[in-house]
Amino acid sequence: MRVSYKFETGMAWSKKGAPAIVTVPTTKANAISTLGAISATGLINVSLRVPKRIKKRKLSGTDGYSTGTVTGHYLSFLKATLDEMDKYPEMKGHYLVMDNAPIHSSTDIGKHIKSRGYRYVYLTPYSSELNPIEQFWSVVKSKVKRNKFLEKESLKTRISENMRQLIFE
């Protein structure tokens, strides 16, 4: 999941009959890439990552550097998640359910999951409603965007706090 938030309100007020004029900043939104794993009993692991910004890109786009989440990031997250699952013997042999995102479908991902004693299954394309983590992210996003940010509050802090609250609700 990627959460981005522009520090602006989505509405404006004006006198009756007068147009509402709002100045919108043209800067890019702050963004956080998140990876998460949940089970029927709760949250297993979450990773929050601030993508690196590149000031200038080559027109050809062949700079060889990705600012998003790539398979390597997901594999590191997966290793940490499986380490957490290994602490609970009753989870051994459980299935990991993943969507068809390119970072999930590398052959290295499947090999690593099997080598650790777990199984995996991919959801059919365009079926995010079947993926429980999507409902989790939906609630987290709505809570993050619900209120204006405090001056010293960061997007990463807001996401973390809302996930913690959601776990204990």
N, C-alpha and C. Protein backbone atom coordinates (compact mmCIF):
# COMPACT_ATOMS: atom_id res chain seq x y z
N MET A 1 0.84 -1.16 0.00
CA MET A 1 0.00 0.00 0.00
C MET A 1 0.89 1.22 0.00
N ARG A 2 0.47 2.23 -0.69
CA ARG A 2 1.17 3.50 -0.71
C ARG A 2 0.22 4.56 -0.17
N VAL A 3 0.66 5.27 0.85
CA VAL A 3 -0.15 6.35 1.43
C VAL A 3 0.52 7.65 1.08
N SER A 4 -0.23 8.54 0.44
CA SER A 4 0.30 9.87 0.20
C SER A 4 -0.70 10.86 0.75
N TYR A 5 -0.20 11.97 1.20
CA TYR A 5 -1.08 12.95 1.83
C TYR A 5 -0.57 14.34 1.54
N LYS A 6 -1.40 15.12 0.88
CA LYS A 6 -1.08 16.53 0.68
C LYS A 6 -1.66 17.27 1.87
N PHE A 7 -0.88 18.13 2.44
CA PHE A 7 -1.30 18.84 3.64
C PHE A 7 -2.25 19.97 3.27
N GLU A 8 -3.46 19.62 2.91
CA GLU A 8 -4.47 20.59 2.53
C GLU A 8 -5.84 20.03 2.85
N THR A 9 -6.79 20.90 3.00
CA THR A 9 -8.15 20.43 3.21
C THR A 9 -8.82 20.26 1.86
N GLY A 10 -9.82 19.46 1.78
CA GLY A 10 -10.49 19.19 0.52
C GLY A 10 -11.69 20.06 0.25
N MET A 11 -11.87 21.13 1.02
CA MET A 11 -13.04 21.97 0.80
C MET A 11 -12.73 23.42 1.18
N ALA A 12 -13.63 24.31 0.76
CA ALA A 12 -13.49 25.73 1.10
C ALA A 12 -14.88 26.32 1.28
N TRP A 13 -14.97 27.42 2.00
CA TRP A 13 -16.23 28.09 2.26
C TRP A 13 -16.19 29.49 1.67
N SER A 14 -17.33 29.97 1.25
CA SER A 14 -17.43 31.35 0.76
C SER A 14 -18.84 31.85 1.03
N LYS A 15 -19.03 33.14 0.86
CA LYS A 15 -20.37 33.71 1.03
C LYS A 15 -21.26 33.22 -0.09
N LYS A 16 -22.55 33.20 0.17
CA LYS A 16 -23.52 32.73 -0.80
C LYS A 16 -23.41 33.54 -2.09
N GLY A 17 -23.30 32.84 -3.21
CA GLY A 17 -23.20 33.50 -4.50
C GLY A 17 -21.78 33.83 -4.93
N ALA A 18 -20.84 33.78 -4.01
CA ALA A 18 -19.44 34.07 -4.35
C ALA A 18 -18.68 32.75 -4.54
N PRO A 19 -17.77 32.70 -5.51
CA PRO A 19 -17.02 31.46 -5.72
C PRO A 19 -16.02 31.22 -4.59
N ALA A 20 -15.83 29.98 -4.26
CA ALA A 20 -14.83 29.61 -3.25
C ALA A 20 -13.49 29.48 -3.97
N ILE A 21 -12.53 30.26 -3.55
CA ILE A 21 -11.21 30.24 -4.19
C ILE A 21 -10.20 29.68 -3.20
N VAL A 22 -9.50 28.65 -3.64
CA VAL A 22 -8.53 27.99 -2.79
C VAL A 22 -7.20 27.93 -3.53
N THR A 23 -6.13 28.28 -2.83
CA THR A 23 -4.79 28.14 -3.40
C THR A 23 -4.28 26.76 -3.03
N VAL A 24 -3.93 25.98 -4.04
CA VAL A 24 -3.45 24.62 -3.82
C VAL A 24 -1.96 24.58 -4.12
N PRO A 25 -1.15 24.11 -3.16
CA PRO A 25 0.29 24.03 -3.43
C PRO A 25 0.58 23.03 -4.53
N THR A 26 1.61 23.31 -5.32
CA THR A 26 1.94 22.43 -6.45
C THR A 26 3.04 21.43 -6.12
N THR A 27 3.41 21.34 -4.86
CA THR A 27 4.45 20.39 -4.48
C THR A 27 3.89 18.97 -4.49
N LYS A 28 4.78 18.02 -4.64
CA LYS A 28 4.36 16.62 -4.60
C LYS A 28 3.95 16.25 -3.18
N ALA A 29 3.06 15.30 -3.09
CA ALA A 29 2.60 14.84 -1.78
C ALA A 29 3.68 14.03 -1.09
N ASN A 30 3.66 14.05 0.23
CA ASN A 30 4.52 13.16 0.99
C ASN A 30 3.97 11.75 0.81
N ALA A 31 4.85 10.77 0.74
CA ALA A 31 4.39 9.40 0.51
C ALA A 31 5.17 8.43 1.38
N ILE A 32 4.49 7.37 1.77
CA ILE A 32 5.09 6.28 2.53
C ILE A 32 4.66 4.98 1.86
N SER A 33 5.60 4.11 1.58
CA SER A 33 5.26 2.78 1.08
C SER A 33 5.17 1.84 2.27
N THR A 34 4.11 1.06 2.31
CA THR A 34 3.92 0.15 3.43
C THR A 34 3.74 -1.28 2.93
N LEU A 35 4.27 -2.20 3.67
CA LEU A 35 4.07 -3.62 3.43
C LEU A 35 3.52 -4.19 4.72
N GLY A 36 2.55 -5.09 4.63
CA GLY A 36 1.97 -5.63 5.84
C GLY A 36 1.57 -7.08 5.71
N ALA A 37 1.53 -7.75 6.85
CA ALA A 37 1.09 -9.14 6.92
C ALA A 37 0.16 -9.28 8.12
N ILE A 38 -1.03 -9.83 7.89
CA ILE A 38 -1.98 -10.06 8.97
C ILE A 38 -2.41 -11.51 8.96
N SER A 39 -2.96 -11.94 10.09
CA SER A 39 -3.54 -13.28 10.19
C SER A 39 -4.91 -13.12 10.82
N ALA A 40 -5.60 -14.22 11.01
CA ALA A 40 -6.92 -14.17 11.65
C ALA A 40 -6.82 -13.68 13.08
N THR A 41 -5.64 -13.82 13.69
CA THR A 41 -5.47 -13.39 15.08
C THR A 41 -4.93 -11.98 15.22
N GLY A 42 -4.49 -11.36 14.14
CA GLY A 42 -4.01 -9.98 14.22
C GLY A 42 -2.84 -9.68 13.30
N LEU A 43 -2.20 -8.56 13.57
CA LEU A 43 -1.09 -8.07 12.77
C LEU A 43 0.17 -8.89 13.04
N ILE A 44 0.83 -9.32 11.98
CA ILE A 44 2.07 -10.09 12.13
C ILE A 44 3.28 -9.17 11.96
N ASN A 45 3.28 -8.39 10.88
CA ASN A 45 4.43 -7.53 10.61
C ASN A 45 4.02 -6.38 9.70
N VAL A 46 4.66 -5.23 9.90
CA VAL A 46 4.43 -4.06 9.05
C VAL A 46 5.77 -3.39 8.79
N SER A 47 5.95 -2.92 7.58
CA SER A 47 7.15 -2.17 7.22
C SER A 47 6.71 -0.85 6.61
N LEU A 48 7.23 0.25 7.14
CA LEU A 48 6.96 1.58 6.58
C LEU A 48 8.26 2.08 5.97
N ARG A 49 8.20 2.52 4.73
CA ARG A 49 9.41 2.97 4.04
C ARG A 49 9.13 4.26 3.29
N VAL A 50 9.99 5.25 3.52
CA VAL A 50 9.90 6.51 2.80
C VAL A 50 10.72 6.36 1.52
N PRO A 51 10.05 6.41 0.36
CA PRO A 51 10.80 6.26 -0.89
C PRO A 51 11.80 7.41 -1.07
N LYS A 52 12.94 7.10 -1.65
CA LYS A 52 13.94 8.13 -1.90
C LYS A 52 13.48 9.00 -3.05
N ARG A 53 13.76 10.29 -2.93
CA ARG A 53 13.39 11.22 -4.01
C ARG A 53 14.61 11.51 -4.87
N ILE A 54 14.38 11.54 -6.15
CA ILE A 54 15.42 11.91 -7.09
C ILE A 54 15.05 13.28 -7.64
N LYS A 55 15.99 14.22 -7.57
CA LYS A 55 15.68 15.58 -8.00
C LYS A 55 15.47 15.66 -9.50
N LYS A 56 16.34 15.07 -10.27
CA LYS A 56 16.22 15.13 -11.72
C LYS A 56 16.32 13.73 -12.29
N ARG A 57 15.47 13.45 -13.26
CA ARG A 57 15.52 12.16 -13.94
C ARG A 57 15.95 12.38 -15.38
N LYS A 58 16.60 11.39 -15.90
CA LYS A 58 16.96 11.45 -17.31
C LYS A 58 15.69 11.29 -18.12
N LEU A 59 15.64 11.95 -19.27
CA LEU A 59 14.45 11.86 -20.11
C LEU A 59 14.19 10.44 -20.58
N SER A 60 15.24 9.69 -20.82
CA SER A 60 15.06 8.33 -21.31
C SER A 60 14.50 7.41 -20.23
N GLY A 61 14.63 7.82 -18.96
CA GLY A 61 14.12 7.00 -17.87
C GLY A 61 14.98 5.78 -17.58
N THR A 62 16.20 5.76 -18.09
CA THR A 62 17.06 4.59 -17.90
C THR A 62 18.13 4.83 -16.86
N ASP A 63 17.76 5.51 -15.78
CA ASP A 63 18.77 5.78 -14.76
C ASP A 63 19.04 4.56 -13.88
N GLY A 64 18.25 3.49 -14.03
CA GLY A 64 18.50 2.26 -13.30
C GLY A 64 18.18 2.33 -11.82
N TYR A 65 17.50 3.34 -11.37
CA TYR A 65 17.21 3.52 -9.95
C TYR A 65 15.71 3.62 -9.75
N SER A 66 15.17 2.81 -8.87
CA SER A 66 13.73 2.82 -8.60
C SER A 66 13.46 3.48 -7.26
N THR A 67 12.46 4.37 -7.23
CA THR A 67 12.10 5.02 -5.98
C THR A 67 11.00 4.26 -5.25
N GLY A 68 10.36 3.32 -5.92
CA GLY A 68 9.26 2.58 -5.31
C GLY A 68 9.73 1.34 -4.56
N THR A 69 8.77 0.52 -4.21
CA THR A 69 9.08 -0.73 -3.52
C THR A 69 9.37 -1.79 -4.57
N VAL A 70 10.50 -2.45 -4.46
CA VAL A 70 10.91 -3.45 -5.44
C VAL A 70 10.96 -4.82 -4.77
N THR A 71 11.18 -5.86 -5.57
CA THR A 71 11.18 -7.22 -5.06
C THR A 71 12.16 -7.41 -3.90
N GLY A 72 13.30 -6.76 -3.96
CA GLY A 72 14.29 -6.87 -2.87
C GLY A 72 13.73 -6.38 -1.55
N HIS A 73 12.98 -5.27 -1.59
CA HIS A 73 12.35 -4.76 -0.37
C HIS A 73 11.34 -5.78 0.16
N TYR A 74 10.55 -6.34 -0.76
CA TYR A 74 9.53 -7.30 -0.36
C TYR A 74 10.16 -8.57 0.21
N LEU A 75 11.25 -9.03 -0.39
CA LEU A 75 11.91 -10.24 0.10
C LEU A 75 12.46 -10.02 1.51
N SER A 76 13.02 -8.85 1.78
CA SER A 76 13.49 -8.53 3.15
C SER A 76 12.33 -8.53 4.13
N PHE A 77 11.22 -7.92 3.71
CA PHE A 77 10.02 -7.89 4.55
C PHE A 77 9.51 -9.31 4.79
N LEU A 78 9.50 -10.12 3.74
CA LEU A 78 9.01 -11.50 3.84
C LEU A 78 9.86 -12.31 4.81
N LYS A 79 11.18 -12.14 4.76
CA LYS A 79 12.07 -12.86 5.68
C LYS A 79 11.75 -12.48 7.13
N ALA A 80 11.55 -11.18 7.38
CA ALA A 80 11.22 -10.73 8.74
C ALA A 80 9.86 -11.27 9.17
N THR A 81 8.91 -11.32 8.24
CA THR A 81 7.57 -11.84 8.55
C THR A 81 7.63 -13.32 8.89
N LEU A 82 8.36 -14.09 8.10
CA LEU A 82 8.49 -15.52 8.37
C LEU A 82 9.24 -15.78 9.67
N ASP A 83 10.22 -14.93 9.99
CA ASP A 83 10.91 -15.04 11.29
C ASP A 83 9.91 -14.86 12.42
N GLU A 84 9.01 -13.91 12.26
CA GLU A 84 7.98 -13.65 13.28
C GLU A 84 7.02 -14.84 13.37
N MET A 85 6.62 -15.39 12.22
CA MET A 85 5.71 -16.54 12.21
C MET A 85 6.36 -17.78 12.81
N ASP A 86 7.67 -17.92 12.64
CA ASP A 86 8.40 -19.07 13.20
C ASP A 86 8.33 -19.13 14.72
N LYS A 87 8.05 -18.01 15.36
CA LYS A 87 7.95 -17.96 16.82
C LYS A 87 6.71 -18.70 17.31
N TYR A 88 5.77 -18.96 16.40
CA TYR A 88 4.51 -19.62 16.75
C TYR A 88 4.41 -20.94 15.98
N PRO A 89 4.71 -22.06 16.62
CA PRO A 89 4.72 -23.36 15.92
C PRO A 89 3.39 -23.68 15.23
N GLU A 90 2.29 -23.20 15.77
CA GLU A 90 0.99 -23.49 15.15
C GLU A 90 0.83 -22.83 13.78
N MET A 91 1.69 -21.88 13.44
CA MET A 91 1.61 -21.22 12.13
C MET A 91 2.39 -21.97 11.06
N LYS A 92 3.22 -22.91 11.45
CA LYS A 92 4.03 -23.65 10.49
C LYS A 92 3.12 -24.32 9.46
N GLY A 93 3.47 -24.20 8.19
CA GLY A 93 2.69 -24.82 7.13
C GLY A 93 1.51 -23.98 6.66
N HIS A 94 1.27 -22.84 7.28
CA HIS A 94 0.16 -21.97 6.86
C HIS A 94 0.43 -21.40 5.47
N TYR A 95 -0.64 -20.96 4.83
CA TYR A 95 -0.54 -20.33 3.52
C TYR A 95 -0.31 -18.83 3.67
N LEU A 96 0.50 -18.28 2.79
CA LEU A 96 0.63 -16.84 2.64
C LEU A 96 -0.18 -16.47 1.41
N VAL A 97 -1.11 -15.56 1.56
CA VAL A 97 -1.97 -15.15 0.46
C VAL A 97 -1.45 -13.82 -0.07
N MET A 98 -1.18 -13.77 -1.37
CA MET A 98 -0.64 -12.55 -1.97
C MET A 98 -1.43 -12.20 -3.22
N ASP A 99 -1.45 -10.90 -3.53
CA ASP A 99 -2.07 -10.50 -4.79
C ASP A 99 -1.03 -10.67 -5.90
N ASN A 100 -1.37 -10.27 -7.09
CA ASN A 100 -0.49 -10.49 -8.24
C ASN A 100 0.43 -9.31 -8.54
N ALA A 101 0.76 -8.52 -7.54
CA ALA A 101 1.70 -7.41 -7.75
C ALA A 101 3.03 -7.98 -8.23
N PRO A 102 3.70 -7.29 -9.12
CA PRO A 102 4.97 -7.80 -9.64
C PRO A 102 6.01 -8.12 -8.56
N ILE A 103 6.02 -7.36 -7.46
CA ILE A 103 7.01 -7.64 -6.41
C ILE A 103 6.72 -8.94 -5.67
N HIS A 104 5.50 -9.46 -5.78
CA HIS A 104 5.14 -10.71 -5.11
C HIS A 104 5.40 -11.94 -5.97
N SER A 105 5.52 -11.75 -7.28
CA SER A 105 5.51 -12.91 -8.17
C SER A 105 6.88 -13.35 -8.68
N SER A 106 7.93 -12.88 -8.07
CA SER A 106 9.27 -13.36 -8.43
C SER A 106 9.41 -14.82 -7.98
N THR A 107 10.14 -15.61 -8.75
CA THR A 107 10.34 -17.02 -8.37
C THR A 107 11.10 -17.13 -7.05
N ASP A 108 11.96 -16.15 -6.75
CA ASP A 108 12.70 -16.16 -5.48
C ASP A 108 11.75 -16.11 -4.28
N ILE A 109 10.64 -15.40 -4.44
CA ILE A 109 9.66 -15.27 -3.35
C ILE A 109 9.09 -16.65 -3.02
N GLY A 110 8.59 -17.34 -4.05
CA GLY A 110 8.00 -18.67 -3.84
C GLY A 110 9.00 -19.67 -3.28
N LYS A 111 10.22 -19.64 -3.79
CA LYS A 111 11.26 -20.56 -3.30
C LYS A 111 11.55 -20.31 -1.82
N HIS A 112 11.64 -19.04 -1.46
CA HIS A 112 11.95 -18.71 -0.06
C HIS A 112 10.82 -19.16 0.88
N ILE A 113 9.59 -18.93 0.47
CA ILE A 113 8.45 -19.33 1.31
C ILE A 113 8.45 -20.85 1.51
N LYS A 114 8.62 -21.61 0.42
CA LYS A 114 8.65 -23.08 0.53
C LYS A 114 9.82 -23.57 1.36
N SER A 115 10.98 -22.93 1.21
CA SER A 115 12.16 -23.38 1.96
C SER A 115 12.00 -23.17 3.46
N ARG A 116 11.10 -22.28 3.85
CA ARG A 116 10.88 -22.01 5.27
C ARG A 116 9.74 -22.86 5.85
N GLY A 117 9.12 -23.71 5.02
CA GLY A 117 8.08 -24.61 5.52
C GLY A 117 6.67 -24.05 5.45
N TYR A 118 6.47 -23.04 4.62
CA TYR A 118 5.14 -22.45 4.44
C TYR A 118 4.70 -22.66 3.01
N ARG A 119 3.45 -22.35 2.74
CA ARG A 119 2.92 -22.47 1.39
C ARG A 119 2.39 -21.10 0.97
N TYR A 120 2.12 -20.93 -0.30
CA TYR A 120 1.61 -19.64 -0.76
C TYR A 120 0.59 -19.84 -1.87
N VAL A 121 -0.25 -18.84 -2.02
CA VAL A 121 -1.25 -18.83 -3.08
C VAL A 121 -1.43 -17.38 -3.53
N TYR A 122 -1.67 -17.22 -4.84
CA TYR A 122 -1.92 -15.89 -5.38
C TYR A 122 -3.41 -15.71 -5.62
N LEU A 123 -3.91 -14.54 -5.31
CA LEU A 123 -5.31 -14.23 -5.60
C LEU A 123 -5.46 -14.02 -7.10
N THR A 124 -6.67 -14.18 -7.60
CA THR A 124 -6.92 -13.91 -9.01
C THR A 124 -6.75 -12.41 -9.25
N PRO A 125 -6.38 -12.02 -10.47
CA PRO A 125 -6.19 -10.59 -10.76
C PRO A 125 -7.47 -9.79 -10.50
N TYR A 126 -7.28 -8.56 -10.07
CA TYR A 126 -8.37 -7.61 -9.83
C TYR A 126 -9.39 -8.11 -8.81
N SER A 127 -8.92 -8.77 -7.78
CA SER A 127 -9.84 -9.26 -6.75
C SER A 127 -9.41 -8.78 -5.37
N SER A 128 -9.13 -7.49 -5.26
CA SER A 128 -8.65 -6.94 -3.99
C SER A 128 -9.67 -7.10 -2.87
N GLU A 129 -10.95 -7.24 -3.23
CA GLU A 129 -11.98 -7.41 -2.19
C GLU A 129 -11.83 -8.75 -1.46
N LEU A 130 -11.09 -9.69 -2.04
CA LEU A 130 -10.85 -10.98 -1.39
C LEU A 130 -9.63 -10.96 -0.47
N ASN A 131 -8.88 -9.87 -0.50
CA ASN A 131 -7.64 -9.78 0.26
C ASN A 131 -7.89 -9.01 1.56
N PRO A 132 -7.86 -9.68 2.71
CA PRO A 132 -8.16 -9.01 3.98
C PRO A 132 -7.25 -7.82 4.30
N ILE A 133 -6.01 -7.84 3.83
CA ILE A 133 -5.11 -6.73 4.13
C ILE A 133 -5.59 -5.45 3.45
N GLU A 134 -6.32 -5.58 2.34
CA GLU A 134 -6.83 -4.39 1.65
C GLU A 134 -7.86 -3.66 2.51
N GLN A 135 -8.71 -4.41 3.23
CA GLN A 135 -9.65 -3.76 4.14
C GLN A 135 -8.90 -3.09 5.29
N PHE A 136 -7.85 -3.73 5.78
CA PHE A 136 -7.03 -3.16 6.84
C PHE A 136 -6.43 -1.83 6.37
N TRP A 137 -5.83 -1.82 5.16
CA TRP A 137 -5.23 -0.59 4.64
C TRP A 137 -6.28 0.49 4.40
N SER A 138 -7.45 0.09 3.98
CA SER A 138 -8.52 1.07 3.75
C SER A 138 -8.88 1.81 5.03
N VAL A 139 -9.00 1.07 6.13
CA VAL A 139 -9.32 1.69 7.42
C VAL A 139 -8.17 2.57 7.89
N VAL A 140 -6.93 2.09 7.74
CA VAL A 140 -5.77 2.88 8.15
C VAL A 140 -5.71 4.18 7.36
N LYS A 141 -5.89 4.11 6.03
CA LYS A 141 -5.84 5.31 5.19
C LYS A 141 -6.91 6.31 5.59
N SER A 142 -8.13 5.84 5.83
CA SER A 142 -9.20 6.78 6.19
C SER A 142 -8.92 7.44 7.53
N LYS A 143 -8.34 6.70 8.48
CA LYS A 143 -7.99 7.29 9.77
C LYS A 143 -6.85 8.31 9.63
N VAL A 144 -5.89 8.01 8.76
CA VAL A 144 -4.76 8.91 8.55
C VAL A 144 -5.24 10.24 7.96
N LYS A 145 -6.15 10.17 7.01
CA LYS A 145 -6.59 11.38 6.30
C LYS A 145 -7.72 12.13 6.99
N ARG A 146 -8.26 11.56 8.07
CA ARG A 146 -9.44 12.13 8.71
C ARG A 146 -9.21 13.53 9.29
N ASN A 147 -8.09 13.76 9.95
CA ASN A 147 -7.84 15.03 10.63
C ASN A 147 -6.63 15.74 10.05
N LYS A 148 -6.61 17.07 10.23
CA LYS A 148 -5.45 17.85 9.79
C LYS A 148 -4.22 17.44 10.59
N PHE A 149 -3.08 17.51 9.96
CA PHE A 149 -1.83 17.17 10.63
C PHE A 149 -1.43 18.29 11.58
N LEU A 150 -0.87 17.87 12.71
CA LEU A 150 -0.27 18.84 13.62
C LEU A 150 1.04 19.28 13.00
N GLU A 151 1.53 20.43 13.42
CA GLU A 151 2.71 20.99 12.78
C GLU A 151 3.93 20.07 12.82
N LYS A 152 4.17 19.40 13.93
CA LYS A 152 5.37 18.56 14.05
C LYS A 152 5.09 17.09 13.79
N GLU A 153 3.89 16.76 13.38
CA GLU A 153 3.52 15.36 13.16
C GLU A 153 3.94 14.94 11.75
N SER A 154 4.52 13.76 11.63
CA SER A 154 4.92 13.26 10.31
C SER A 154 3.91 12.23 9.83
N LEU A 155 3.91 12.00 8.53
CA LEU A 155 3.02 11.01 7.95
C LEU A 155 3.33 9.62 8.50
N LYS A 156 4.60 9.31 8.67
CA LYS A 156 5.01 8.01 9.20
C LYS A 156 4.48 7.81 10.62
N THR A 157 4.57 8.86 11.44
CA THR A 157 4.06 8.79 12.82
C THR A 157 2.56 8.58 12.82
N ARG A 158 1.85 9.31 11.96
CA ARG A 158 0.38 9.20 11.91
C ARG A 158 -0.04 7.80 11.49
N ILE A 159 0.63 7.23 10.50
CA ILE A 159 0.29 5.87 10.06
C ILE A 159 0.53 4.88 11.19
N SER A 160 1.69 4.96 11.83
CA SER A 160 2.03 4.03 12.92
C SER A 160 1.03 4.11 14.06
N GLU A 161 0.67 5.32 14.47
CA GLU A 161 -0.29 5.49 15.57
C GLU A 161 -1.65 4.90 15.21
N ASN A 162 -2.11 5.14 14.00
CA ASN A 162 -3.42 4.63 13.60
C ASN A 162 -3.43 3.11 13.46
N MET A 163 -2.32 2.52 13.04
CA MET A 163 -2.26 1.05 12.98
C MET A 163 -2.30 0.47 14.38
N ARG A 164 -1.55 1.09 15.31
CA ARG A 164 -1.55 0.61 16.70
C ARG A 164 -2.96 0.69 17.29
N GLN A 165 -3.65 1.80 17.06
CA GLN A 165 -5.02 1.95 17.58
C GLN A 165 -5.94 0.90 16.99
N LEU A 166 -5.80 0.65 15.70
CA LEU A 166 -6.66 -0.31 15.01
C LEU A 166 -6.46 -1.72 15.56
N ILE A 167 -5.24 -2.06 15.89
CA ILE A 167 -4.94 -3.39 16.42
C ILE A 167 -5.65 -3.62 17.75
N PHE A 168 -5.70 -2.59 18.58
CA PHE A 168 -6.27 -2.74 19.91
C PHE A 168 -7.77 -2.46 19.97
N GLU A 169 -8.39 -2.07 18.85
CA GLU A 169 -9.84 -1.82 18.84
C GLU A 169 -10.62 -3.11 18.82
